[in-house]
Protein backbone atom coordinates (compact mmCIF):
# COMPACT_ATOMS: atom_id res chain seq x y z
CA MET A 1 9.12 -24.85 12.34
CA ASP A 2 10.71 -28.17 13.30
CA GLN A 3 13.22 -26.43 15.60
CA GLY A 4 10.56 -24.43 17.44
CA LEU A 5 11.92 -21.04 16.35
CA TYR A 6 8.96 -20.27 14.10
CA SER A 7 6.43 -20.32 16.95
CA LYS A 8 8.71 -18.10 19.03
CA PHE A 9 8.35 -15.32 16.44
CA MET A 10 4.59 -15.73 16.70
CA SER A 11 5.05 -15.28 20.45
CA ILE A 12 6.79 -11.92 19.95
CA HIS A 13 3.91 -10.68 17.81
CA GLN A 14 1.43 -11.99 20.39
CA ASP A 15 3.03 -10.24 23.34
CA ALA A 16 0.60 -7.58 24.57
CA VAL A 17 3.08 -4.70 24.87
CA SER A 18 4.94 -5.55 21.66
CA ASN A 19 1.67 -5.83 19.76
CA ARG A 20 0.42 -2.55 21.19
CA GLN A 21 3.38 -0.77 19.57
CA ALA A 22 3.09 -2.80 16.38
CA HIS A 23 -0.48 -1.92 15.37
CA GLY A 24 -2.53 1.23 15.04
CA THR A 25 0.45 3.44 15.84
CA CYS A 26 2.96 5.71 14.14
CA VAL A 27 5.61 2.94 14.32
CA PHE A 28 3.59 0.18 12.63
CA LEU A 29 5.92 0.18 9.60
CA PHE A 30 9.12 0.49 11.65
CA TRP A 31 8.24 -2.23 14.18
CA HIS A 32 7.43 -4.72 11.44
CA ARG A 33 10.62 -3.84 9.54
CA GLN A 34 12.65 -4.86 12.59
CA PHE A 35 10.51 -8.00 13.01
CA LEU A 36 11.00 -9.05 9.38
CA VAL A 37 14.79 -8.62 9.47
CA GLY A 38 15.00 -10.68 12.66
CA PHE A 39 12.88 -13.43 11.11
CA GLU A 40 14.97 -13.42 7.94
CA ASN A 41 18.15 -13.66 10.03
CA MET A 42 16.68 -16.68 11.79
CA LEU A 43 15.98 -18.39 8.47
CA ARG A 44 19.52 -17.67 7.27
CA SER A 45 20.96 -19.27 10.40
CA LEU A 46 19.24 -22.63 9.94
CA ASP A 47 21.69 -24.39 7.60
CA PRO A 48 24.56 -22.17 6.48
CA PRO A 49 25.97 -21.73 3.92
CA ARG A 50 22.95 -23.18 2.10
CA THR A 51 20.54 -20.74 3.76
CA SER A 52 22.94 -17.83 4.29
CA CYS A 53 21.57 -15.74 1.43
CA LEU A 54 17.90 -16.57 1.88
CA THR A 55 15.56 -13.59 1.43
CA LEU A 56 11.86 -13.11 2.07
CA PRO A 57 9.84 -12.71 -1.15
CA TYR A 58 7.19 -10.02 -1.33
CA TYR A 59 3.64 -11.05 -2.18
CA ASP A 60 2.92 -9.07 -5.35
CA TYR A 61 -0.83 -8.86 -4.91
CA VAL A 62 -0.84 -5.58 -6.83
CA GLN A 63 0.20 -7.45 -9.98
CA HIS A 64 -1.88 -10.56 -9.21
CA ASN A 65 -4.86 -8.27 -8.67
CA LEU A 66 -4.35 -6.96 -12.20
CA ASP A 67 -4.52 -10.55 -13.49
CA TYR A 68 -7.87 -10.79 -11.73
CA VAL A 69 -9.10 -7.54 -13.32
CA ASN A 70 -8.17 -8.91 -16.74
CA GLN A 71 -9.92 -12.19 -15.84
CA ARG A 72 -6.79 -14.29 -16.35
CA CYS A 73 -7.77 -16.02 -13.10
CA THR A 74 -10.73 -15.94 -10.74
CA THR A 75 -9.72 -16.28 -7.08
CA ILE A 76 -6.87 -15.12 -4.89
CA GLU A 77 -5.48 -18.67 -4.92
CA SER A 78 -5.65 -19.11 -8.69
CA CYS A 79 -4.17 -15.62 -9.19
CA SER A 80 -1.35 -15.89 -6.61
CA PRO A 81 1.43 -18.44 -7.20
CA ILE A 82 2.78 -17.82 -3.70
CA LEU A 83 -0.47 -18.99 -2.10
CA ARG A 84 -0.36 -22.21 -4.09
CA ASP A 85 3.36 -22.70 -3.42
CA LEU A 86 2.69 -22.51 0.33
CA GLY A 87 0.07 -25.26 0.20
CA GLY A 88 -3.09 -23.52 -0.95
CA SER A 89 -6.35 -23.96 0.93
CA THR A 90 -7.92 -27.23 -0.19
CA GLN A 91 -5.76 -30.03 1.26
CA ALA A 92 -7.03 -29.76 4.80
CA ILE A 93 -8.57 -31.33 7.89
CA ARG A 94 -10.78 -29.98 10.64
CA SER A 95 -8.91 -29.10 13.81
CA THR A 96 -9.71 -27.69 17.25
CA ALA A 97 -6.04 -27.31 18.18
CA ASN A 98 -5.27 -24.43 20.53
CA ILE A 99 -2.95 -21.91 18.88
CA GLY A 100 -1.87 -19.18 21.25
CA GLY A 101 -5.19 -19.39 23.08
CA TYR A 102 -7.35 -19.43 19.92
CA THR A 103 -9.15 -22.25 18.12
CA TYR A 104 -10.47 -22.31 14.55
CA PRO A 105 -12.96 -25.16 14.13
CA GLN A 106 -14.85 -23.13 11.50
CA PHE A 107 -11.87 -23.05 9.12
CA ALA A 108 -10.11 -25.71 7.11
CA CYS A 109 -6.77 -26.53 8.72
CA VAL A 110 -4.37 -26.97 5.82
CA ASN A 111 -1.92 -29.85 6.27
CA ALA A 112 -0.05 -29.55 2.97
CA SER A 113 3.63 -28.58 3.07
CA VAL A 114 4.82 -26.31 4.68
CA ALA A 115 1.84 -26.07 7.01
CA SER A 116 2.19 -29.74 7.95
CA HIS A 117 5.28 -28.86 10.02
CA PHE A 118 3.55 -26.25 12.18
CA CYS A 119 3.84 -26.54 15.96
CA ALA A 120 1.95 -24.05 18.08
CA ASP A 121 4.14 -24.14 21.16
CA SER A 122 7.79 -24.94 20.50
CA GLN A 123 7.02 -28.54 19.53
CA ARG A 124 4.92 -29.32 22.60
CA SER A 125 1.66 -28.84 20.70
CA CYS A 126 1.98 -29.82 17.05
CA SER A 127 -1.25 -29.43 15.14
CA GLY A 128 0.50 -30.21 11.87
CA CYS A 129 -1.80 -27.80 10.06
CA ILE A 130 -2.59 -24.07 9.75
CA PRO A 131 -6.15 -22.64 9.74
CA ARG A 132 -6.77 -20.84 6.45
CA GLY A 133 -9.66 -19.10 4.81
CA PRO A 134 -11.21 -20.44 1.60
CA TRP A 135 -8.61 -18.93 -0.73
CA HIS A 136 -9.90 -21.09 -3.58
CA SER A 137 -13.24 -19.25 -3.50
CA THR A 138 -12.18 -15.80 -2.26
CA PHE A 139 -11.92 -12.88 -4.67
CA PHE A 140 -9.58 -9.90 -4.75
CA ASN A 141 -10.96 -6.57 -3.59
CA PRO A 142 -10.11 -3.08 -4.88
CA ASP A 143 -8.16 -2.16 -1.74
CA VAL A 144 -5.11 -3.94 -3.15
CA ASN A 145 -5.50 -2.55 -6.66
CA PHE A 146 -2.73 -0.21 -7.86
CA ASN A 147 -5.07 2.81 -7.71
CA ARG A 148 -5.74 2.42 -3.97
CA VAL A 149 -2.15 1.47 -3.20
CA LYS A 150 -0.77 4.58 -4.89
CA ARG A 151 -3.19 6.85 -3.04
CA ALA A 152 -2.26 5.26 0.29
CA VAL A 153 1.51 5.44 -0.24
CA LEU A 154 1.80 8.84 -1.93
CA PRO A 155 -0.86 11.25 -0.69
CA THR A 156 -0.16 14.93 -1.14
CA GLY A 157 1.76 16.68 1.62
CA SER A 158 1.47 13.96 4.26
CA SER A 159 3.77 12.98 7.10
CA ILE A 160 5.13 9.47 7.57
CA ALA A 161 2.62 9.00 10.41
CA ALA A 162 -0.30 9.77 8.08
CA VAL A 163 1.07 7.46 5.37
CA THR A 164 1.67 4.72 7.94
CA SER A 165 -1.98 4.92 8.96
CA ALA A 166 -3.18 4.97 5.35
CA ILE A 167 -1.18 1.85 4.47
CA GLU A 168 -2.16 -0.02 7.63
CA PHE A 169 -5.87 0.73 7.45
CA SER A 170 -6.30 0.03 3.75
CA VAL A 171 -3.87 -2.32 2.01
CA HIS A 172 -2.59 -4.06 5.13
CA ASN A 173 -5.89 -4.71 6.85
CA SER A 174 -7.62 -5.69 3.62
CA VAL A 175 -5.11 -8.48 2.91
CA HIS A 176 -5.41 -9.84 6.45
CA SER A 177 -9.19 -9.84 6.09
CA MET A 178 -9.10 -11.32 2.58
CA LEU A 179 -6.83 -14.24 3.55
CA SER A 180 -8.87 -14.89 6.70
CA GLY A 181 -8.25 -17.93 8.89
CA VAL A 182 -5.41 -17.29 11.31
CA MET A 183 -4.41 -14.23 9.22
CA GLY A 184 -7.54 -12.59 10.58
CA ASN A 185 -6.06 -12.64 14.09
CA LEU A 186 -4.32 -9.47 15.29
CA PHE A 187 -1.99 -11.39 17.60
CA ILE A 188 -1.10 -14.77 16.10
CA SER A 189 -1.25 -14.04 12.35
CA PRO A 190 2.51 -14.89 12.03
CA VAL A 191 1.40 -18.53 12.31
CA GLU A 192 0.66 -18.15 8.57
CA PRO A 193 3.84 -18.13 6.40
CA VAL A 194 2.14 -15.74 3.96
CA PHE A 195 2.18 -13.19 6.81
CA TYR A 196 5.88 -12.60 6.19
CA SER A 197 5.51 -12.08 2.45
CA HIS A 198 2.50 -9.80 3.01
CA HIS A 199 4.48 -7.66 5.43
CA THR A 200 7.46 -7.68 3.09
CA THR A 201 5.14 -6.05 0.55
CA ILE A 202 4.07 -3.51 3.19
CA ASP A 203 7.77 -2.84 3.86
CA LEU A 204 8.31 -2.37 0.12
CA LEU A 205 5.53 0.24 0.12
CA HIS A 206 7.37 1.99 2.96
CA THR A 207 10.50 1.87 0.78
CA ILE A 208 8.60 3.44 -2.13
CA TYR A 209 7.34 6.21 0.15
CA HIS A 210 10.89 6.86 1.39
CA ARG A 211 12.25 7.05 -2.16
CA CYS A 212 9.51 9.43 -3.34
CA ARG A 213 8.87 11.64 -0.30
CA VAL A 214 12.13 11.60 1.66
CA GLN A 215 15.18 11.00 -0.55
CA PRO A 216 14.57 13.90 -2.98
CA PHE A 217 14.29 16.40 -0.12
CA VAL A 218 16.20 15.06 2.89
CA SER A 219 19.95 14.44 2.75
CA GLY A 220 21.11 11.73 5.16
CA LEU A 221 20.03 11.05 8.73
CA THR A 222 21.26 14.19 10.45
CA GLU A 223 19.86 15.46 13.74
CA SER A 224 17.76 17.93 11.76
CA SER A 225 16.50 15.54 9.10
CA ALA A 226 15.62 12.86 11.65
CA SER A 227 13.06 15.27 13.11
CA ASP A 228 11.45 15.94 9.73
CA PRO A 229 7.84 14.63 9.89
CA ARG A 230 8.35 13.03 6.49
CA VAL A 231 11.09 10.86 8.01
CA PHE A 232 9.71 10.05 11.46
CA GLN A 233 6.91 11.27 13.67
CA GLY A 234 6.26 10.08 17.21
CA CYS A 235 2.92 9.44 18.88
CA SER A 236 1.20 8.48 22.11
CA ILE A 237 0.57 4.79 22.75
CA PRO A 238 -1.51 4.08 25.87
CA GLN A 239 -0.45 1.26 28.20
CA THR A 240 3.11 1.11 26.90
CA PRO A 241 6.41 2.12 28.53
CA ASN A 242 6.61 5.94 28.71
CA GLY A 243 3.13 6.19 27.17
CA GLY A 244 4.35 6.66 23.62
CA VAL A 245 7.27 6.61 21.20
CA THR A 246 9.77 9.05 19.75
CA ARG A 247 12.56 8.43 17.26
CA ASN A 248 14.83 7.70 20.26
CA SER A 249 12.48 5.11 21.76
CA SER A 250 13.66 1.51 21.89
CA VAL A 251 11.95 -1.00 19.64
CA PHE A 252 9.94 -3.15 22.04
CA MET A 253 10.06 -6.77 20.94
CA GLN A 254 9.74 -9.59 23.48
CA GLU A 255 8.30 -13.07 23.57
CA SER A 256 4.91 -13.32 25.25
CA GLY A 257 5.24 -14.44 28.88
CA LEU A 258 9.04 -14.61 28.81
CA ARG A 259 11.49 -12.24 30.43
CA ASN A 260 14.51 -13.27 28.42
CA ASN A 261 13.98 -13.21 24.68
CA SER A 262 15.72 -16.27 23.27
CA LEU A 263 15.50 -14.76 19.77
CA MET A 264 17.54 -11.64 20.49
CA ARG A 265 20.59 -13.06 18.72
CA PHE A 266 18.71 -12.63 15.45
CA PHE A 267 18.29 -8.91 16.14
CA ASP A 268 21.90 -8.25 17.17
CA GLY A 269 23.41 -5.36 15.22
CA LEU A 270 20.08 -3.88 14.18
CA PRO A 271 19.24 -0.30 15.19
CA THR A 272 17.88 -0.28 18.73
CA THR A 273 15.66 2.77 18.25
CA TYR A 274 12.85 3.53 15.81
CA GLY A 275 14.72 6.47 14.31
CA GLY A 276 17.35 4.10 12.96
CA LEU A 277 14.85 2.11 10.89
CA THR A 278 13.78 4.76 8.40
CA ASP A 279 15.83 3.49 5.43
CA SER A 280 16.32 -0.20 4.63
CA THR A 281 19.62 0.52 2.86
CA GLN A 282 21.08 2.19 5.97
CA LEU A 283 20.89 -0.63 8.53
CA GLY A 284 24.59 -1.44 8.68
CA GLN A 285 25.31 -5.13 8.18
CA HIS A 286 21.56 -5.75 7.98
CA SER A 287 20.95 -3.33 5.09
CA TYR A 288 18.89 -4.67 2.23
CA SER A 289 17.38 -3.60 -1.08
CA TYR A 290 14.49 -4.82 -3.23
CA ASP A 291 14.35 -6.42 -6.65
CA MET A 292 10.99 -5.25 -7.93
CA GLY A 293 9.07 -5.08 -11.18
CA GLY A 294 5.64 -4.55 -12.65
CA LEU A 295 3.38 -1.88 -11.24
CA VAL A 296 5.15 -1.53 -7.88
CA GLY A 297 8.42 -1.02 -9.76
CA ASP A 298 6.75 1.68 -11.85
CA LEU A 299 5.53 3.36 -8.67
CA TYR A 300 9.03 3.27 -7.16
CA THR A 301 10.60 4.71 -10.31
CA LYS A 302 8.06 7.41 -11.21
CA CYS A 303 6.41 8.24 -7.87
CA ASP A 304 3.51 10.67 -8.43
CA ALA A 305 3.93 10.38 -12.20
CA ALA A 306 3.35 6.60 -12.14
CA GLY A 307 0.55 5.61 -14.46
CA LEU A 308 -0.10 9.13 -15.74
CA GLY A 309 2.03 9.17 -18.89
CA LEU A 310 4.18 11.97 -17.48
CA PRO A 311 7.99 12.07 -17.62
CA GLU A 312 9.79 10.77 -14.58
CA VAL A 313 10.95 13.47 -12.16
CA GLU A 314 14.71 13.32 -11.80
CA GLU A 315 15.94 12.45 -8.31
CA ARG A 316 17.45 15.50 -6.62
CA ARG A 317 19.71 13.40 -4.45
CA ARG A 318 20.83 9.80 -4.51
CA LEU A 319 21.94 7.42 -1.80
CA THR A 320 25.60 7.74 -0.91
CA SER A 321 25.94 3.99 -0.30
CA GLY A 322 26.51 1.46 -3.05
CA MET A 323 23.27 -0.35 -2.31
CA ARG A 324 20.57 0.14 -4.92
CA HIS A 325 17.10 -1.22 -5.39
CA VAL A 326 16.68 -3.10 -8.66
CA VAL A 327 13.67 -2.15 -10.79
CA ARG A 328 12.62 -4.25 -13.75
CA PRO A 329 10.36 -2.76 -16.45
CA ILE A 330 6.74 -3.75 -16.88
CA ALA A 331 6.79 -6.74 -19.21
CA SER A 332 3.18 -7.97 -19.25
CA ALA A 333 0.64 -6.93 -21.86
CA ASP A 334 -1.96 -6.58 -19.11
CA GLY A 335 0.30 -4.20 -17.21
CA ASN A 336 0.72 -2.01 -20.26
CA THR A 337 -3.02 -2.13 -20.95
CA PHE A 338 -3.71 -1.00 -17.38
CA LEU A 339 -1.26 1.88 -17.72
CA GLY A 340 -2.87 2.76 -21.05
CA TRP A 341 -6.24 2.97 -19.29
CA ARG A 342 -4.78 5.20 -16.58
CA ARG A 343 -3.21 7.51 -19.18
CA ALA A 344 -6.52 7.75 -21.05
CA VAL A 345 -8.37 8.66 -17.85
CA PHE A 346 -5.67 11.18 -16.94
CA LYS A 347 -5.91 12.90 -20.32
CA ARG A 348 -9.67 13.13 -20.07
CA ALA A 349 -9.38 14.50 -16.54
CA GLN A 350 -6.98 17.17 -17.81
CA ALA A 351 -9.40 18.10 -20.58
CA GLN A 352 -12.17 18.46 -17.99
CA ARG A 353 -9.84 20.32 -15.58
CA ILE A 354 -10.22 17.67 -12.90
CA GLU A 355 -7.21 17.93 -10.60
CA ASP A 356 -7.37 14.61 -8.74
CA SER A 357 -7.43 12.11 -11.58
CA ASP A 358 -6.13 9.33 -9.33
CA ARG A 359 -9.30 9.48 -7.25
CA GLU A 360 -11.47 9.24 -10.37
CA MET A 361 -9.49 6.19 -11.48
CA GLU A 362 -10.05 4.58 -8.10
CA LYS A 363 -13.80 5.21 -8.36
CA MET A 364 -13.98 3.83 -11.89
CA MET A 365 -12.11 0.69 -10.84
CA VAL A 366 -14.33 0.16 -7.80
CA MET A 367 -17.31 0.08 -10.14
CA MET A 368 -15.47 -2.51 -12.24
CA TYR A 369 -15.04 -4.74 -9.20
CA ALA A 370 -18.66 -4.28 -8.19
CA ASN A 371 -20.26 -4.81 -11.59
CA CYS A 372 -17.81 -6.65 -13.87
CA LEU A 373 -15.84 -9.14 -11.78
CA PRO A 374 -16.94 -12.29 -9.93
CA GLY A 375 -16.72 -10.99 -6.36
CA ASN A 376 -18.44 -8.16 -4.51
CA VAL A 377 -17.07 -5.04 -2.85
CA THR A 378 -17.76 -5.76 0.81
CA ASP A 379 -16.95 -4.46 4.27
CA TYR A 380 -14.84 -6.21 6.89
CA SER A 381 -16.78 -8.72 8.96
CA PRO A 382 -17.92 -7.69 12.47
CA GLU A 383 -15.58 -10.36 13.90
CA PHE A 384 -12.59 -8.93 12.04
CA LYS A 385 -13.41 -5.39 13.16
CA ALA A 386 -13.70 -6.48 16.79
CA MET A 387 -10.40 -8.40 16.67
CA TRP A 388 -8.48 -5.50 15.10
CA GLY A 389 -10.15 -2.77 17.16
CA ILE A 390 -11.62 -0.99 14.15
CA GLU A 391 -15.30 -1.01 15.04
CA GLY A 392 -17.01 1.81 13.18
CA VAL A 393 -14.45 1.69 10.36
CA VAL A 394 -15.67 0.77 6.87
CA ALA A 395 -13.27 -0.87 4.40
CA PRO A 396 -11.99 1.91 2.07
CA SER A 397 -13.37 0.51 -1.19
CA LYS A 398 -16.74 -0.30 0.34
CA ARG A 399 -16.94 3.25 1.71
CA LEU A 400 -16.07 4.64 -1.72
CA LEU A 401 -18.61 2.42 -3.51
CA ASP A 402 -21.34 3.55 -1.11
CA ALA A 403 -20.44 7.20 -1.78
CA ILE A 404 -20.62 6.66 -5.55
CA GLN A 405 -23.96 4.91 -5.32
CA ASP A 406 -25.60 7.39 -2.92
CA GLY A 407 -24.46 10.31 -5.09
CA SER A 408 -22.18 11.96 -2.51
CA ASP A 409 -19.03 11.27 -4.56
CA THR A 410 -20.00 10.57 -8.15
CA ILE A 411 -17.56 9.77 -10.95
CA LYS A 412 -16.66 13.03 -12.71
CA ILE A 413 -14.97 11.60 -15.81
CA SER A 414 -17.29 11.95 -18.80
CA ASN A 415 -18.19 8.70 -20.59
CA TRP A 416 -16.13 6.75 -18.08
CA THR A 417 -17.90 3.50 -18.89
CA ALA A 418 -16.65 3.74 -22.48
CA LEU A 419 -13.06 3.92 -21.24
CA ASN A 420 -13.57 0.88 -19.03
CA GLN A 421 -15.20 -0.95 -21.92
CA ARG A 422 -12.37 -0.10 -24.31
CA TYR A 423 -9.59 -1.35 -22.05
CA PHE A 424 -11.25 -4.08 -19.99
CA GLY A 425 -14.27 -5.19 -22.02
CA CYS A 426 -16.80 -4.07 -19.41
CA GLY A 427 -18.20 -0.64 -18.59
CA GLY A 428 -19.06 -1.29 -14.95
CA ALA A 429 -22.04 1.00 -14.58
CA PHE A 430 -24.63 -1.66 -13.75
CA PRO A 431 -24.72 -4.98 -11.84
CA ASN A 432 -25.88 -6.82 -14.95
CA ASP A 433 -22.53 -5.98 -16.59
CA LYS A 434 -21.07 -9.04 -14.80
């Protein structure tokens, strides 16, 4: 931040053409993968060798969400160590500083470290604070619960384009909305340091998809495999060069208002086309792997069998490189309790001959959030929808709750409230269960 490089990355994300490729398109995951690696390279360059091995941490809101379900904590700030480590939301001032053309007088502008170092325009306009939502009084929503995450990442028979859309318009958007403040802005959300950890989690979900849907069936990046819709699928993007992207299209990443991108040295050596960004372990000198645990680790290891009590399906092929993702076993009692609940629901679904047990679990958990936990299952605000161009879209969990309550998609598991009660101490059928 002090060197002005941080705000330049915000400027890339704010650029109209770059942003048009980065959101609501088939290359959402790929564009942000390139962006994250460039940002990480910048951090590593700051003070070598001390910073040479620095890596971006992922924000494990899937696990923190489980702590919320088990009422170990109450708000996203009390449940998420990373939010507290980055300054939280309470040490703040009011500010009308202009950040990339936007002001946030309605939000607290946090001036705790590291936010106190923020400069909006390469040190010419230092607000010394970052606008944040009220994390200390905001609750988790079901869109970042394991049940929703699994359904977004591993739907049946979907292409990478469909999965990209499912991840972006559920988990991704819900976290931006939940954190609020500058994170609610489509263009300048990289002002918030948590942005990078949030998108590292999104990149990890892309990695899980690749491990479960691509690696077992596609061997290497050959001309044939690169055209497999599970690996990459192009799309039309209005008002962009050539009107769309293919796997051979260049990754468009420039600073807003500048012809020469002063950050390009941090992207040197990275694949120049989208087709080269499909596998994080195959990026040459920029290859990377994840050290993961808890529920996301279980999802990476077991894929469709995660949380069902089924044996892991053996990988049909393995990476030829020496780089491996590290997966640590679930160690928390709450994690094992949650998996016990999922296994119990799965067994009952089998007994009732219900094929899609994951959907029933998602519905049962939505009712828990609505009727057992402190917050409410709500839609995105009109302002958020307008900013992100999703007018007419209802947040996934809110849409599901409405369908349960109006009878168009009822819970099919018999005595489901008893299962919730047994594992979580609350049935969830009625509002007075809170």
